[in-house]
Protein backbone atom coordinates (compact mmCIF):
# COMPACT_ATOMS: atom_id res chain seq x y z
CA MET A 1 0.00 0.00 0.03
CA ASP A 2 1.42 3.39 -1.04
CA THR A 3 1.29 5.67 2.02
CA SER A 4 3.25 8.55 0.40
CA PRO A 5 1.53 11.88 1.07
CA GLY A 6 0.66 14.26 -1.77
CA PRO A 7 2.28 17.58 -2.27
CA VAL A 8 1.68 20.42 0.30
CA VAL A 9 -0.57 23.18 -1.20
CA VAL A 10 -0.42 26.53 0.66
CA PRO A 11 -4.01 27.76 0.51
CA ALA A 12 -4.99 31.15 -0.67
CA LEU A 13 -6.45 32.15 2.71
CA GLY A 14 -8.22 35.51 2.84
CA LEU A 15 -7.59 36.30 -0.76
CA GLY A 16 -8.49 39.77 -2.14
CA GLN A 17 -6.85 42.37 -4.35
CA GLU A 18 -3.58 41.56 -2.34
CA GLY A 19 -4.00 37.86 -2.43
CA GLY A 20 -0.52 37.16 -3.72
CA THR A 21 1.16 38.94 -0.91
CA ARG A 22 -1.19 37.42 1.59
CA ALA A 23 -0.49 33.94 0.33
CA GLU A 24 3.16 34.75 0.87
CA VAL A 25 2.43 35.82 4.41
CA VAL A 26 0.70 32.49 5.00
CA ARG A 27 3.57 30.55 3.57
CA ILE A 28 6.01 32.32 5.97
CA LEU A 29 3.73 31.65 8.91
CA LEU A 30 3.66 27.98 7.85
CA GLU A 31 7.33 27.63 7.25
CA ARG A 32 8.80 29.87 9.99
CA GLY A 33 6.12 30.43 12.55
CA PRO A 34 5.85 31.90 15.10
CA VAL A 35 7.33 35.03 13.50
CA SER A 36 6.98 38.73 14.05
CA ALA A 37 5.51 41.22 11.56
CA SER A 38 9.02 42.82 11.06
CA GLU A 39 10.50 39.38 10.19
CA VAL A 40 7.83 38.80 7.64
CA GLY A 41 8.23 42.34 6.22
CA LYS A 42 11.99 41.85 5.91
CA GLU A 43 11.60 38.67 3.78
CA LEU A 44 8.90 40.14 1.64
CA ALA A 45 10.52 43.61 1.28
CA ILE A 46 7.37 45.35 2.61
CA SER A 47 6.79 47.50 5.71
CA ALA A 48 5.81 45.94 9.02
CA ALA A 49 2.63 48.02 8.88
CA GLY A 50 1.81 46.41 5.53
CA VAL A 51 2.36 42.96 7.03
CA ARG A 52 0.19 43.78 10.00
CA ARG A 53 -2.66 44.66 7.61
CA HIS A 54 -2.50 41.17 6.24
CA LEU A 55 -2.14 39.65 9.64
CA ASP A 56 -5.15 41.58 11.01
CA ALA A 57 -7.20 40.12 8.11
CA LEU A 58 -6.03 36.58 8.80
CA ILE A 59 -6.73 37.02 12.54
CA GLU A 60 -10.24 38.43 11.89
CA GLN A 61 -10.89 35.29 9.71
CA GLY A 62 -9.63 32.92 12.45
CA GLU A 63 -6.72 31.85 10.30
CA ALA A 64 -3.78 33.53 12.28
CA ALA A 65 -3.32 34.27 15.98
CA VAL A 66 -0.71 35.89 18.33
CA ALA A 67 1.62 33.14 19.59
CA PRO A 68 1.86 32.50 23.34
CA ALA A 69 4.28 34.62 25.26
CA GLY A 70 6.60 31.66 25.59
CA ALA A 71 7.20 31.72 21.80
CA ARG A 72 8.55 35.28 21.87
CA ARG A 73 12.41 35.54 21.65
CA PRO A 74 14.13 37.10 24.64
CA GLY A 75 16.04 40.46 24.12
CA PRO A 76 16.30 44.01 25.15
CA GLY A 77 13.03 46.09 25.33
CA ARG A 78 9.42 44.83 25.03
CA PRO A 79 9.37 41.58 23.11
CA ALA A 80 7.59 41.77 19.60
CA LYS A 81 4.35 39.92 19.07
CA ARG A 82 4.86 36.76 17.09
CA PHE A 83 2.28 35.24 15.00
CA GLN A 84 1.29 31.67 13.76
CA LEU A 85 -1.43 29.94 11.78
CA THR A 86 -4.41 28.59 13.75
CA GLU A 87 -5.55 25.01 13.56
CA ALA A 88 -8.38 26.10 11.31
CA ALA A 89 -5.94 27.52 8.85
CA ARG A 90 -3.92 24.37 8.90
CA ALA A 91 -6.97 22.29 8.18
CA LYS A 92 -7.31 24.11 4.97
CA LEU A 93 -3.95 22.75 3.72
CA THR A 94 -4.19 19.76 1.51
CA HIS A 95 -4.19 16.52 3.52
CA THR A 96 -4.43 13.91 0.70
CA TYR A 97 -6.62 10.94 1.42
CA ASP A 98 -6.85 11.54 5.15
CA ASP A 99 -10.13 9.71 5.48
CA LEU A 100 -8.91 6.87 3.32
CA ALA A 101 -5.65 6.54 5.18
CA GLY A 102 -7.50 6.46 8.56
CA SER A 103 -9.90 3.79 7.34
CA ALA A 104 -7.06 1.70 5.95
CA LEU A 105 -5.04 1.88 9.20
CA ARG A 106 -8.12 0.95 11.24
CA ALA A 107 -8.72 -2.08 8.96
CA LEU A 108 -5.03 -2.98 9.27
CA ARG A 109 -5.17 -2.91 13.04
CA ARG A 110 -8.35 -5.00 13.14
CA ILE A 111 -6.68 -7.64 10.79
CA GLY A 112 -3.04 -7.59 11.92
CA GLY A 113 -3.06 -5.91 15.29
CA ASP A 114 -0.73 -3.17 16.58
CA ASP A 115 2.32 -4.88 15.25
CA ALA A 116 1.05 -4.67 11.66
CA VAL A 117 0.39 -0.88 12.12
CA ALA A 118 3.94 -0.43 13.62
CA ALA A 119 5.56 -2.24 10.69
CA LEU A 120 3.71 -0.14 8.19
CA ALA A 121 4.80 3.02 10.03
CA ARG A 122 8.36 1.85 9.81
CA GLU A 123 8.17 1.09 6.18
CA ARG A 124 6.64 4.44 5.46
CA VAL A 125 9.41 6.51 7.22
CA THR A 126 12.07 4.22 5.83
CA ASP A 127 10.94 4.95 2.29
CA ILE A 128 10.91 8.75 3.05
CA LEU A 129 14.37 8.88 4.63
CA ARG A 130 16.12 6.29 2.26
CA ALA A 131 18.68 8.86 1.03
CA ALA A 132 19.15 10.79 4.28
CA GLN A 133 22.02 8.69 5.57
CA ASP A 134 24.19 9.49 2.56
CA VAL A 135 27.06 11.70 3.90
CA PRO A 136 30.70 11.88 2.87
CA ALA A 137 33.25 10.13 4.95
CA GLY A 138 35.78 11.97 7.17
CA LEU A 139 33.35 14.47 8.71
CA GLY A 140 33.62 15.54 12.35
CA GLU A 141 30.83 14.31 14.52
CA ASP A 142 28.95 17.63 14.77
CA GLU A 143 29.33 18.23 11.10
CA ARG A 144 28.02 14.78 10.35
CA LEU A 145 24.99 15.22 12.64
CA GLU A 146 24.10 18.67 11.13
CA LEU A 147 24.36 17.25 7.61
CA ILE A 148 22.16 14.22 8.36
CA ALA A 149 19.64 16.58 10.06
CA GLU A 150 19.62 18.67 6.91
CA ASN A 151 19.14 15.55 4.79
CA ILE A 152 16.24 14.43 7.02
CA ALA A 153 14.53 17.90 6.61
CA GLU A 154 15.06 17.83 2.86
CA ALA A 155 13.56 14.33 2.54
CA LEU A 156 10.55 15.31 4.82
CA THR A 157 9.87 18.38 2.77
CA GLU A 158 9.85 16.39 -0.41
CA ALA A 159 7.19 14.20 1.40
CA GLY A 160 5.12 17.18 2.18
CA HIS A 161 6.22 18.03 5.75
CA VAL A 162 7.59 21.52 5.11
CA ALA A 163 10.72 20.87 7.37
CA ASN A 164 13.90 22.82 8.07
CA VAL A 165 16.74 22.77 10.57
CA ARG A 166 17.41 25.50 13.12
CA ALA A 167 20.44 26.03 15.27
CA VAL A 168 19.46 26.28 18.95
CA GLY A 169 22.08 26.59 21.65
CA ARG A 170 24.38 23.59 21.74
CA GLY A 171 22.37 21.70 19.06
CA VAL A 172 20.01 21.86 16.13
CA GLN A 173 16.34 21.24 15.85
CA ILE A 174 14.52 19.47 13.04
CA CYS A 175 11.31 21.47 12.68
CA GLN A 176 8.27 20.17 10.68
CA HIS A 177 5.89 23.05 10.09
CA HIS A 178 3.28 20.95 8.42
CA CYS A 179 2.38 17.26 8.87
CA PRO A 180 0.36 15.64 5.97
CA ILE A 181 -0.61 12.79 8.30
CA SER A 182 -1.40 14.65 11.50
CA HIS A 183 -5.05 13.78 11.41
CA VAL A 184 -4.24 10.08 11.52
CA ALA A 185 -1.08 10.38 13.57
CA GLY A 186 -3.23 11.46 16.56
CA GLU A 187 -5.11 8.21 16.44
CA PHE A 188 -2.16 6.08 15.44
CA PRO A 189 0.97 7.14 17.55
CA GLU A 190 2.99 4.38 15.81
CA LEU A 191 3.53 6.83 12.96
CA CYS A 192 5.34 9.39 15.21
CA GLU A 193 7.08 6.66 17.20
CA ALA A 194 8.60 5.10 13.99
CA GLU A 195 9.67 8.53 12.84
CA HIS A 196 11.44 9.36 16.09
CA ALA A 197 13.17 5.87 16.03
CA ALA A 198 14.28 6.44 12.38
CA PHE A 199 15.72 9.76 13.25
CA GLN A 200 17.66 8.40 16.18
CA ASP A 201 18.96 5.41 14.18
CA LEU A 202 20.08 7.60 11.31
CA LEU A 203 21.82 10.19 13.57
CA GLY A 204 23.33 7.56 15.89
CA THR A 205 22.86 9.70 18.96
CA HIS A 206 20.22 10.47 21.62
CA ILE A 207 17.60 12.95 20.46
CA GLN A 208 14.61 14.51 22.13
CA GLN A 209 11.19 15.04 20.68
CA LEU A 210 9.96 18.35 22.06
CA ALA A 211 6.63 18.82 20.27
CA THR A 212 4.32 17.20 17.75
CA ILE A 213 1.50 18.68 15.55
CA ALA A 214 -0.47 15.50 16.24
CA ASN A 215 -0.57 16.55 20.01
CA GLY A 216 -1.66 20.07 19.32
CA ASP A 217 1.68 21.86 18.96
CA SER A 218 2.27 24.23 16.04
CA VAL A 219 5.42 22.58 14.89
CA CYS A 220 6.97 19.09 15.25
CA THR A 221 10.29 19.69 16.87
CA THR A 222 13.17 17.20 17.37
CA HIS A 223 16.25 18.38 19.22
CA VAL A 224 19.64 17.02 18.19
CA PRO A 225 22.39 17.81 20.71
CA LEU A 226 25.87 18.70 19.44
CA GLY A 227 29.21 18.59 21.19
CA VAL A 228 28.59 15.21 22.87
CA PRO A 229 30.65 12.08 22.36
CA SER A 230 29.52 9.83 19.60
CA ALA A 231 27.85 6.50 20.53
CA ARG A 232 28.71 5.03 17.14
CA ALA A 233 31.04 2.07 16.63
CA PRO A 234 34.62 3.14 15.62
CA ASP A 235 35.76 2.79 11.92
CA ASP A 236 37.61 -0.32 11.02
CA GLY A 237 40.79 1.60 10.89
CA ASP A 238 40.61 2.71 14.42
CA ALA A 239 43.35 0.98 16.32
CA SER A 240 41.71 1.52 19.65
CA PRO A 241 39.42 -1.33 20.85
CA PRO A 242 35.91 -0.28 21.91
CA ASP A 243 35.27 0.25 25.59
CA PRO A 244 33.02 -2.65 26.60
CA ALA A 245 31.16 -0.56 29.22
CA ALA A 246 30.44 2.14 26.60
CA GLN A 247 29.59 -0.50 24.02
CA SER A 248 27.03 -2.05 26.42
CA SER A 249 25.53 1.37 27.13
CA SER A 250 25.23 2.23 23.46
CA THR A 251 23.59 -1.06 22.70
CA THR A 252 21.13 -0.70 25.41
CA ARG A 253 20.32 2.87 24.18
CA ARG A 254 19.78 1.79 20.64
CA ASP A 255 17.72 -1.32 21.60
CA SER A 256 15.37 0.80 23.74
CA ALA A 257 14.27 3.00 20.81
CA PRO A 258 11.15 1.66 19.10
CA GLY A 259 12.26 0.04 15.77
CA GLY A 260 15.69 1.29 16.66
CA SER A 261 18.37 -0.72 14.89
CA ARG A 262 16.17 -2.18 12.13
CA LEU A 263 16.22 0.92 10.00
CA ARG A 264 19.80 0.61 8.76
CA LYS A 265 19.16 -2.97 7.67
CA GLU A 266 16.05 -1.86 5.81
CA LEU A 267 17.78 1.00 4.15
CA ALA A 268 20.71 -1.12 3.06
């Protein structure tokens, strides 16, 4: 069964004579949100006042909202308001075959049980991330992690997730601003669990899932720490034997992740 999502279509929300600009504002809220009016204006080369006119129209139609205070970036002076799309606006994005996918997964669970749903979820994310592990040899550990994170985001975007990577403190975050399967992922958490396990297996390090759209957050966010020792096995040319204690700890950590070490075998 082909579970690949269709392309993401940014809807023309609140279109009028300035529909083209408003659609661009919606795109930025989708891809970058929460964002301030000045940040949107800088990208579109229009004034913050012009952006606020579009934001006010979207807010009046229930398609945008001021982000909670916690989403505002710290800094000198009064923090600027930041805006994001509402759930109603996200629902207008194209979610291809949501009803069909939900029905198919329910039937699969009735026939094959939870294990069958989990196996399908692993197969889906394996297909999406098939090329994400391709990185050149000889990279430093942080550089390798950043490149794989970028590869993951690119693969997810091609599958309709509108993903990017942000540098945050001593790490990077893989952010998915749209989830084409969020309506079924809420009912079938195996989809999110398989995705998390696949990320961790590809990156070869501990990661933390901070938020998911399926749970009501505005962005699916996965934190990848940098500057920590690698848990990967040494290269064949490494003359130093592995530390048995570290090797045991690493094995335990990989085995504890749902679907953990199976992904590399499936990708091979």
